[in-house]
Amino acid sequence: MPEKKYGWNGWKMPILHPNDPDFCEIGCPICVPARKGNKVAKFFANIEMAVTFGGCWWGRARRRKYGVNPDQPVSLKVAGAPHDLRNGKG
């Protein structure tokens, strides 16, 4: 299955698809750097989590699919983990 691509390096959000957990996982310009350890992105992700009571639409969809908050990495043992995480590349 090919990896989804989002326009403008993730800045073009899939507004018409609010239940797309893959946008949060591979395309979100806030969540992806926050999971990689960027302190500024973590700061903004924490503000977003507090203001929206749990994250944006895509972060909530990611939590429903993978069972973790948008700012936390997915465990390699999760059955629905993206292809590159299960192969050890993530």
PDB file of N, CA and C in Angstrom:
ATOM      1  N   MET A   1       0.845  -1.171   0.000  1.00  0.00           N
ATOM      2  CA  MET A   1       0.000   0.000   0.000  1.00  0.00           C
ATOM      3  C   MET A   1       0.895   1.240   0.000  1.00  0.00           C
ATOM      4  N   PRO A   2       0.727   2.132  -0.971  1.00  0.00           N
ATOM      5  CA  PRO A   2       1.580   3.319  -1.024  1.00  0.00           C
ATOM      6  C   PRO A   2       1.263   4.279   0.115  1.00  0.00           C
ATOM      7  N   GLU A   3       2.299   4.971   0.557  1.00  0.00           N
ATOM      8  CA  GLU A   3       2.131   5.940   1.637  1.00  0.00           C
ATOM      9  C   GLU A   3       1.357   7.140   1.121  1.00  0.00           C
ATOM     10  N   LYS A   4       0.440   7.660   1.935  1.00  0.00           N
ATOM     11  CA  LYS A   4      -0.346   8.820   1.541  1.00  0.00           C
ATOM     12  C   LYS A   4       0.546  10.044   1.464  1.00  0.00           C
ATOM     13  N   LYS A   5       0.237  10.924   0.550  1.00  0.00           N
ATOM     14  CA  LYS A   5       0.980  12.167   0.404  1.00  0.00           C
ATOM     15  C   LYS A   5       0.017  13.322   0.685  1.00  0.00           C
ATOM     16  N   TYR A   6       0.480  14.291   1.420  1.00  0.00           N
ATOM     17  CA  TYR A   6      -0.307  15.474   1.725  1.00  0.00           C
ATOM     18  C   TYR A   6       0.420  16.681   1.164  1.00  0.00           C
ATOM     19  N   GLY A   7      -0.316  17.592   0.543  1.00  0.00           N
ATOM     20  CA  GLY A   7       0.280  18.745  -0.119  1.00  0.00           C
ATOM     21  C   GLY A   7       1.040  19.658   0.819  1.00  0.00           C
ATOM     22  N   TRP A   8       2.011  20.343   0.273  1.00  0.00           N
ATOM     23  CA  TRP A   8       2.808  21.341   0.977  1.00  0.00           C
ATOM     24  C   TRP A   8       3.483  20.780   2.220  1.00  0.00           C
ATOM     25  N   ASN A   9       3.985  19.562   2.180  1.00  0.00           N
ATOM     26  CA  ASN A   9       4.639  18.902   3.321  1.00  0.00           C
ATOM     27  C   ASN A   9       3.736  18.817   4.544  1.00  0.00           C
ATOM     28  N   GLY A  10       2.463  18.583   4.334  1.00  0.00           N
ATOM     29  CA  GLY A  10       1.537  18.426   5.446  1.00  0.00           C
ATOM     30  C   GLY A  10       0.767  19.672   5.808  1.00  0.00           C
ATOM     31  N   TRP A  11       1.157  20.811   5.270  1.00  0.00           N
ATOM     32  CA  TRP A  11       0.447  22.046   5.614  1.00  0.00           C
ATOM     33  C   TRP A  11      -0.919  22.116   4.952  1.00  0.00           C
ATOM     34  N   LYS A  12      -1.138  21.373   3.896  1.00  0.00           N
ATOM     35  CA  LYS A  12      -2.452  21.312   3.255  1.00  0.00           C
ATOM     36  C   LYS A  12      -3.226  20.179   3.914  1.00  0.00           C
ATOM     37  N   MET A  13      -4.048  20.527   4.879  1.00  0.00           N
ATOM     38  CA  MET A  13      -4.748  19.527   5.687  1.00  0.00           C
ATOM     39  C   MET A  13      -5.954  18.958   4.951  1.00  0.00           C
ATOM     40  N   PRO A  14      -6.273  17.690   5.171  1.00  0.00           N
ATOM     41  CA  PRO A  14      -7.452  17.084   4.539  1.00  0.00           C
ATOM     42  C   PRO A  14      -8.728  17.495   5.282  1.00  0.00           C
ATOM     43  N   ILE A  15      -9.151  18.734   5.069  1.00  0.00           N
ATOM     44  CA  ILE A  15     -10.299  19.304   5.788  1.00  0.00           C
ATOM     45  C   ILE A  15     -11.560  18.470   5.598  1.00  0.00           C
ATOM     46  N   LEU A  16     -11.755  17.915   4.426  1.00  0.00           N
ATOM     47  CA  LEU A  16     -12.974  17.155   4.151  1.00  0.00           C
ATOM     48  C   LEU A  16     -12.914  15.725   4.686  1.00  0.00           C
ATOM     49  N   HIS A  17     -11.778  15.340   5.270  1.00  0.00           N
ATOM     50  CA  HIS A  17     -11.617  13.995   5.827  1.00  0.00           C
ATOM     51  C   HIS A  17     -11.118  14.093   7.276  1.00  0.00           C
ATOM     52  N   PRO A  18     -11.982  14.501   8.211  1.00  0.00           N
ATOM     53  CA  PRO A  18     -11.533  14.688   9.599  1.00  0.00           C
ATOM     54  C   PRO A  18     -11.227  13.392  10.346  1.00  0.00           C
ATOM     55  N   ASN A  19     -11.595  12.246   9.799  1.00  0.00           N
ATOM     56  CA  ASN A  19     -11.334  10.972  10.473  1.00  0.00           C
ATOM     57  C   ASN A  19     -10.163  10.226   9.835  1.00  0.00           C
ATOM     58  N   ASP A  20      -9.173  10.971   9.340  1.00  0.00           N
ATOM     59  CA  ASP A  20      -8.005  10.375   8.694  1.00  0.00           C
ATOM     60  C   ASP A  20      -6.837  10.345   9.693  1.00  0.00           C
ATOM     61  N   PRO A  21      -6.626   9.234  10.390  1.00  0.00           N
ATOM     62  CA  PRO A  21      -5.553   9.181  11.385  1.00  0.00           C
ATOM     63  C   PRO A  21      -4.158   9.230  10.770  1.00  0.00           C
ATOM     64  N   ASP A  22      -4.054   8.895   9.485  1.00  0.00           N
ATOM     65  CA  ASP A  22      -2.752   8.889   8.834  1.00  0.00           C
ATOM     66  C   ASP A  22      -2.198  10.295   8.639  1.00  0.00           C
ATOM     67  N   PHE A  23      -3.070  11.302   8.551  1.00  0.00           N
ATOM     68  CA  PHE A  23      -2.565  12.673   8.444  1.00  0.00           C
ATOM     69  C   PHE A  23      -1.799  13.037   9.706  1.00  0.00           C
ATOM     70  N   CYS A  24      -2.330  12.713  10.868  1.00  0.00           N
ATOM     71  CA  CYS A  24      -1.637  12.992  12.124  1.00  0.00           C
ATOM     72  C   CYS A  24      -0.345  12.188  12.209  1.00  0.00           C
ATOM     73  N   GLU A  25      -0.370  10.974  11.710  1.00  0.00           N
ATOM     74  CA  GLU A  25       0.785  10.080  11.827  1.00  0.00           C
ATOM     75  C   GLU A  25       1.932  10.472  10.905  1.00  0.00           C
ATOM     76  N   ILE A  26       1.640  10.856   9.656  1.00  0.00           N
ATOM     77  CA  ILE A  26       2.725  11.091   8.714  1.00  0.00           C
ATOM     78  C   ILE A  26       2.763  12.478   8.110  1.00  0.00           C
ATOM     79  N   GLY A  27       1.699  13.296   8.274  1.00  0.00           N
ATOM     80  CA  GLY A  27       1.671  14.567   7.578  1.00  0.00           C
ATOM     81  C   GLY A  27       1.512  15.813   8.420  1.00  0.00           C
ATOM     82  N   CYS A  28       1.142  15.695   9.672  1.00  0.00           N
ATOM     83  CA  CYS A  28       0.853  16.876  10.487  1.00  0.00           C
ATOM     84  C   CYS A  28       2.132  17.667  10.793  1.00  0.00           C
ATOM     85  N   PRO A  29       2.130  18.976  10.506  1.00  0.00           N
ATOM     86  CA  PRO A  29       3.333  19.775  10.754  1.00  0.00           C
ATOM     87  C   PRO A  29       3.596  20.058  12.232  1.00  0.00           C
ATOM     88  N   ILE A  30       2.665  19.727  13.116  1.00  0.00           N
ATOM     89  CA  ILE A  30       2.868  19.914  14.558  1.00  0.00           C
ATOM     90  C   ILE A  30       3.161  18.578  15.231  1.00  0.00           C
ATOM     91  N   CYS A  31       2.330  17.591  14.996  1.00  0.00           N
ATOM     92  CA  CYS A  31       2.447  16.314  15.713  1.00  0.00           C
ATOM     93  C   CYS A  31       3.691  15.512  15.337  1.00  0.00           C
ATOM     94  N   VAL A  32       4.027  15.473  14.057  1.00  0.00           N
ATOM     95  CA  VAL A  32       5.174  14.677  13.629  1.00  0.00           C
ATOM     96  C   VAL A  32       6.472  15.186  14.268  1.00  0.00           C
ATOM     97  N   PRO A  33       6.774  16.510  14.211  1.00  0.00           N
ATOM     98  CA  PRO A  33       7.986  16.983  14.896  1.00  0.00           C
ATOM     99  C   PRO A  33       7.917  16.810  16.416  1.00  0.00           C
ATOM    100  N   ALA A  34       6.705  16.925  16.992  1.00  0.00           N
ATOM    101  CA  ALA A  34       6.570  16.748  18.443  1.00  0.00           C
ATOM    102  C   ALA A  34       6.922  15.322  18.840  1.00  0.00           C
ATOM    103  N   ARG A  35       6.513  14.347  18.039  1.00  0.00           N
ATOM    104  CA  ARG A  35       6.853  12.960  18.337  1.00  0.00           C
ATOM    105  C   ARG A  35       8.335  12.689  18.140  1.00  0.00           C
ATOM    106  N   LYS A  36       8.980  13.458  17.274  1.00  0.00           N
ATOM    107  CA  LYS A  36      10.421  13.288  17.047  1.00  0.00           C
ATOM    108  C   LYS A  36      11.262  14.005  18.092  1.00  0.00           C
ATOM    109  N   GLY A  37      10.626  14.770  19.007  1.00  0.00           N
ATOM    110  CA  GLY A  37      11.359  15.385  20.094  1.00  0.00           C
ATOM    111  C   GLY A  37      11.583  16.884  19.979  1.00  0.00           C
ATOM    112  N   ASN A  38      11.023  17.549  18.976  1.00  0.00           N
ATOM    113  CA  ASN A  38      11.167  18.987  18.816  1.00  0.00           C
ATOM    114  C   ASN A  38      10.429  19.700  19.957  1.00  0.00           C
ATOM    115  N   LYS A  39      11.158  20.471  20.753  1.00  0.00           N
ATOM    116  CA  LYS A  39      10.576  21.095  21.949  1.00  0.00           C
ATOM    117  C   LYS A  39       9.540  22.153  21.609  1.00  0.00           C
ATOM    118  N   VAL A  40       9.763  22.922  20.550  1.00  0.00           N
ATOM    119  CA  VAL A  40       8.796  23.949  20.157  1.00  0.00           C
ATOM    120  C   VAL A  40       7.500  23.286  19.692  1.00  0.00           C
ATOM    121  N   ALA A  41       7.617  22.234  18.888  1.00  0.00           N
ATOM    122  CA  ALA A  41       6.433  21.518  18.417  1.00  0.00           C
ATOM    123  C   ALA A  41       5.700  20.857  19.583  1.00  0.00           C
ATOM    124  N   LYS A  42       6.448  20.323  20.548  1.00  0.00           N
ATOM    125  CA  LYS A  42       5.803  19.737  21.738  1.00  0.00           C
ATOM    126  C   LYS A  42       5.024  20.792  22.512  1.00  0.00           C
ATOM    127  N   PHE A  43       5.602  21.995  22.616  1.00  0.00           N
ATOM    128  CA  PHE A  43       4.932  23.095  23.300  1.00  0.00           C
ATOM    129  C   PHE A  43       3.597  23.402  22.621  1.00  0.00           C
ATOM    130  N   PHE A  44       3.612  23.551  21.289  1.00  0.00           N
ATOM    131  CA  PHE A  44       2.379  23.841  20.566  1.00  0.00           C
ATOM    132  C   PHE A  44       1.403  22.668  20.605  1.00  0.00           C
ATOM    133  N   ALA A  45       1.897  21.453  20.578  1.00  0.00           N
ATOM    134  CA  ALA A  45       1.026  20.274  20.669  1.00  0.00           C
ATOM    135  C   ALA A  45       0.337  20.226  22.027  1.00  0.00           C
ATOM    136  N   ASN A  46       1.066  20.574  23.094  1.00  0.00           N
ATOM    137  CA  ASN A  46       0.456  20.592  24.431  1.00  0.00           C
ATOM    138  C   ASN A  46      -0.609  21.678  24.536  1.00  0.00           C
ATOM    139  N   ILE A  47      -0.346  22.829  23.927  1.00  0.00           N
ATOM    140  CA  ILE A  47      -1.361  23.891  23.921  1.00  0.00           C
ATOM    141  C   ILE A  47      -2.593  23.423  23.152  1.00  0.00           C
ATOM    142  N   GLU A  48      -2.379  22.817  21.998  1.00  0.00           N
ATOM    143  CA  GLU A  48      -3.495  22.314  21.197  1.00  0.00           C
ATOM    144  C   GLU A  48      -4.304  21.278  21.969  1.00  0.00           C
ATOM    145  N   MET A  49      -3.615  20.365  22.656  1.00  0.00           N
ATOM    146  CA  MET A  49      -4.307  19.332  23.435  1.00  0.00           C
ATOM    147  C   MET A  49      -5.150  19.958  24.545  1.00  0.00           C
ATOM    148  N   ALA A  50      -4.636  21.011  25.179  1.00  0.00           N
ATOM    149  CA  ALA A  50      -5.362  21.656  26.273  1.00  0.00           C
ATOM    150  C   ALA A  50      -6.560  22.446  25.755  1.00  0.00           C
ATOM    151  N   VAL A  51      -6.371  23.172  24.682  1.00  0.00           N
ATOM    152  CA  VAL A  51      -7.437  24.030  24.155  1.00  0.00           C
ATOM    153  C   VAL A  51      -8.563  23.207  23.534  1.00  0.00           C
ATOM    154  N   THR A  52      -8.227  22.136  22.835  1.00  0.00           N
ATOM    155  CA  THR A  52      -9.244  21.340  22.141  1.00  0.00           C
ATOM    156  C   THR A  52      -9.702  20.130  22.942  1.00  0.00           C
ATOM    157  N   PHE A  53      -9.235  19.998  24.169  1.00  0.00           N
ATOM    158  CA  PHE A  53      -9.612  18.879  25.052  1.00  0.00           C
ATOM    159  C   PHE A  53      -9.292  17.523  24.426  1.00  0.00           C
ATOM    160  N   GLY A  54      -8.080  17.365  23.910  1.00  0.00           N
ATOM    161  CA  GLY A  54      -7.664  16.062  23.407  1.00  0.00           C
ATOM    162  C   GLY A  54      -7.084  16.050  22.017  1.00  0.00           C
ATOM    163  N   GLY A  55      -6.948  17.194  21.385  1.00  0.00           N
ATOM    164  CA  GLY A  55      -6.334  17.240  20.064  1.00  0.00           C
ATOM    165  C   GLY A  55      -7.320  17.558  18.963  1.00  0.00           C
ATOM    166  N   CYS A  56      -6.788  17.765  17.777  1.00  0.00           N
ATOM    167  CA  CYS A  56      -7.616  18.090  16.619  1.00  0.00           C
ATOM    168  C   CYS A  56      -8.351  16.833  16.135  1.00  0.00           C
ATOM    169  N   TRP A  57      -9.102  16.983  15.057  1.00  0.00           N
ATOM    170  CA  TRP A  57      -9.860  15.846  14.509  1.00  0.00           C
ATOM    171  C   TRP A  57      -8.959  14.679  14.181  1.00  0.00           C
ATOM    172  N   TRP A  58      -7.844  14.981  13.524  1.00  0.00           N
ATOM    173  CA  TRP A  58      -6.962  13.924  13.056  1.00  0.00           C
ATOM    174  C   TRP A  58      -6.222  13.279  14.229  1.00  0.00           C
ATOM    175  N   GLY A  59      -5.903  14.069  15.246  1.00  0.00           N
ATOM    176  CA  GLY A  59      -5.267  13.516  16.439  1.00  0.00           C
ATOM    177  C   GLY A  59      -6.205  12.590  17.192  1.00  0.00           C
ATOM    178  N   ARG A  60      -7.471  12.963  17.233  1.00  0.00           N
ATOM    179  CA  ARG A  60      -8.467  12.090  17.879  1.00  0.00           C
ATOM    180  C   ARG A  60      -8.662  10.804  17.087  1.00  0.00           C
ATOM    181  N   ALA A  61      -8.672  10.923  15.756  1.00  0.00           N
ATOM    182  CA  ALA A  61      -8.791   9.723  14.912  1.00  0.00           C
ATOM    183  C   ALA A  61      -7.582   8.822  15.117  1.00  0.00           C
ATOM    184  N   ARG A  62      -6.390   9.414  15.261  1.00  0.00           N
ATOM    185  CA  ARG A  62      -5.180   8.633  15.517  1.00  0.00           C
ATOM    186  C   ARG A  62      -5.271   7.925  16.866  1.00  0.00           C
ATOM    187  N   ARG A  63      -5.829   8.607  17.866  1.00  0.00           N
ATOM    188  CA  ARG A  63      -5.974   7.980  19.181  1.00  0.00           C
ATOM    189  C   ARG A  63      -6.958   6.821  19.114  1.00  0.00           C
ATOM    190  N   ARG A  64      -8.043   6.971  18.334  1.00  0.00           N
ATOM    191  CA  ARG A  64      -8.996   5.864  18.187  1.00  0.00           C
ATOM    192  C   ARG A  64      -8.346   4.672  17.486  1.00  0.00           C
ATOM    193  N   LYS A  65      -7.502   4.936  16.482  1.00  0.00           N
ATOM    194  CA  LYS A  65      -6.909   3.842  15.711  1.00  0.00           C
ATOM    195  C   LYS A  65      -5.750   3.179  16.440  1.00  0.00           C
ATOM    196  N   TYR A  66      -4.831   3.979  17.021  1.00  0.00           N
ATOM    197  CA  TYR A  66      -3.617   3.432  17.615  1.00  0.00           C
ATOM    198  C   TYR A  66      -3.632   3.384  19.138  1.00  0.00           C
ATOM    199  N   GLY A  67      -4.543   4.119  19.777  1.00  0.00           N
ATOM    200  CA  GLY A  67      -4.644   4.082  21.223  1.00  0.00           C
ATOM    201  C   GLY A  67      -3.635   4.935  21.969  1.00  0.00           C
ATOM    202  N   VAL A  68      -3.001   5.896  21.298  1.00  0.00           N
ATOM    203  CA  VAL A  68      -2.053   6.798  21.949  1.00  0.00           C
ATOM    204  C   VAL A  68      -2.380   8.237  21.579  1.00  0.00           C
ATOM    205  N   ASN A  69      -1.969   9.177  22.427  1.00  0.00           N
ATOM    206  CA  ASN A  69      -2.191  10.593  22.163  1.00  0.00           C
ATOM    207  C   ASN A  69      -1.398  11.036  20.937  1.00  0.00           C
ATOM    208  N   PRO A  70      -1.809  12.136  20.300  1.00  0.00           N
ATOM    209  CA  PRO A  70      -1.123  12.603  19.100  1.00  0.00           C
ATOM    210  C   PRO A  70       0.357  12.934  19.300  1.00  0.00           C
ATOM    211  N   ASP A  71       0.752  13.293  20.506  1.00  0.00           N
ATOM    212  CA  ASP A  71       2.147  13.665  20.732  1.00  0.00           C
ATOM    213  C   ASP A  71       3.012  12.493  21.193  1.00  0.00           C
ATOM    214  N   GLN A  72       2.449  11.292  21.224  1.00  0.00           N
ATOM    215  CA  GLN A  72       3.190  10.108  21.657  1.00  0.00           C
ATOM    216  C   GLN A  72       3.417   9.163  20.474  1.00  0.00           C
ATOM    217  N   PRO A  73       4.583   8.523  20.406  1.00  0.00           N
ATOM    218  CA  PRO A  73       4.839   7.591  19.295  1.00  0.00           C
ATOM    219  C   PRO A  73       4.016   6.320  19.430  1.00  0.00           C
ATOM    220  N   VAL A  74       3.759   5.686  18.290  1.00  0.00           N
ATOM    221  CA  VAL A  74       3.010   4.428  18.248  1.00  0.00           C
ATOM    222  C   VAL A  74       3.964   3.293  18.559  1.00  0.00           C
ATOM    223  N   SER A  75       3.535   2.367  19.388  1.00  0.00           N
ATOM    224  CA  SER A  75       4.336   1.186  19.695  1.00  0.00           C
ATOM    225  C   SER A  75       4.465   0.320  18.449  1.00  0.00           C
ATOM    226  N   LEU A  76       5.570  -0.371  18.312  1.00  0.00           N
ATOM    227  CA  LEU A  76       5.770  -1.239  17.155  1.00  0.00           C
ATOM    228  C   LEU A  76       4.844  -2.448  17.169  1.00  0.00           C
ATOM    229  N   LYS A  77       4.241  -2.749  18.314  1.00  0.00           N
ATOM    230  CA  LYS A  77       3.390  -3.921  18.432  1.00  0.00           C
ATOM    231  C   LYS A  77       1.934  -3.643  18.066  1.00  0.00           C
ATOM    232  N   VAL A  78       1.591  -2.393  17.766  1.00  0.00           N
ATOM    233  CA  VAL A  78       0.217  -2.044  17.426  1.00  0.00           C
ATOM    234  C   VAL A  78      -0.105  -2.640  16.066  1.00  0.00           C
ATOM    235  N   ALA A  79      -1.232  -3.340  15.977  1.00  0.00           N
ATOM    236  CA  ALA A  79      -1.588  -4.041  14.747  1.00  0.00           C
ATOM    237  C   ALA A  79      -1.792  -3.101  13.566  1.00  0.00           C
ATOM    238  N   GLY A  80      -2.325  -1.912  13.803  1.00  0.00           N
ATOM    239  CA  GLY A  80      -2.603  -0.995  12.705  1.00  0.00           C
ATOM    240  C   GLY A  80      -1.493   0.001  12.452  1.00  0.00           C
ATOM    241  N   ALA A  81      -0.293  -0.246  12.978  1.00  0.00           N
ATOM    242  CA  ALA A  81       0.816   0.701  12.817  1.00  0.00           C
ATOM    243  C   ALA A  81       1.169   0.853  11.339  1.00  0.00           C
ATOM    244  N   PRO A  82       1.611   2.042  10.948  1.00  0.00           N
ATOM    245  CA  PRO A  82       1.977   2.255   9.547  1.00  0.00           C
ATOM    246  C   PRO A  82       3.074   1.297   9.091  1.00  0.00           C
ATOM    247  N   HIS A  83       3.126   1.065   7.816  1.00  0.00           N
ATOM    248  CA  HIS A  83       4.036   0.086   7.218  1.00  0.00           C
ATOM    249  C   HIS A  83       5.491   0.304   7.625  1.00  0.00           C
ATOM    250  N   ASP A  84       5.971   1.548   7.577  1.00  0.00           N
ATOM    251  CA  ASP A  84       7.380   1.789   7.870  1.00  0.00           C
ATOM    252  C   ASP A  84       7.709   1.592   9.353  1.00  0.00           C
ATOM    253  N   LEU A  85       6.724   1.721  10.251  1.00  0.00           N
ATOM    254  CA  LEU A  85       6.986   1.460  11.662  1.00  0.00           C
ATOM    255  C   LEU A  85       7.143  -0.037  11.925  1.00  0.00           C
ATOM    256  N   ARG A  86       6.322  -0.847  11.239  1.00  0.00           N
ATOM    257  CA  ARG A  86       6.399  -2.288  11.457  1.00  0.00           C
ATOM    258  C   ARG A  86       7.670  -2.875  10.877  1.00  0.00           C
ATOM    259  N   ASN A  87       8.253  -2.216   9.881  1.00  0.00           N
ATOM    260  CA  ASN A  87       9.499  -2.707   9.295  1.00  0.00           C
ATOM    261  C   ASN A  87      10.720  -2.185  10.010  1.00  0.00           C
ATOM    262  N   GLY A  88      10.540  -1.395  11.066  1.00  0.00           N
ATOM    263  CA  GLY A  88      11.658  -0.908  11.839  1.00  0.00           C
ATOM    264  C   GLY A  88      12.310   0.346  11.285  1.00  0.00           C
ATOM    265  N   LYS A  89      11.663   0.993  10.315  1.00  0.00           N
ATOM    266  CA  LYS A  89      12.248   2.201   9.733  1.00  0.00           C
ATOM    267  C   LYS A  89      11.823   3.452  10.477  1.00  0.00           C
ATOM    268  N   GLY A  90      10.805   3.388  11.347  1.00  0.00           N
ATOM    269  CA  GLY A  90      10.261   4.579  11.976  1.00  0.00           C
ATOM    270  C   GLY A  90      10.789   4.898  13.294  1.00  0.00           C
TER     271      GLY A  90
END
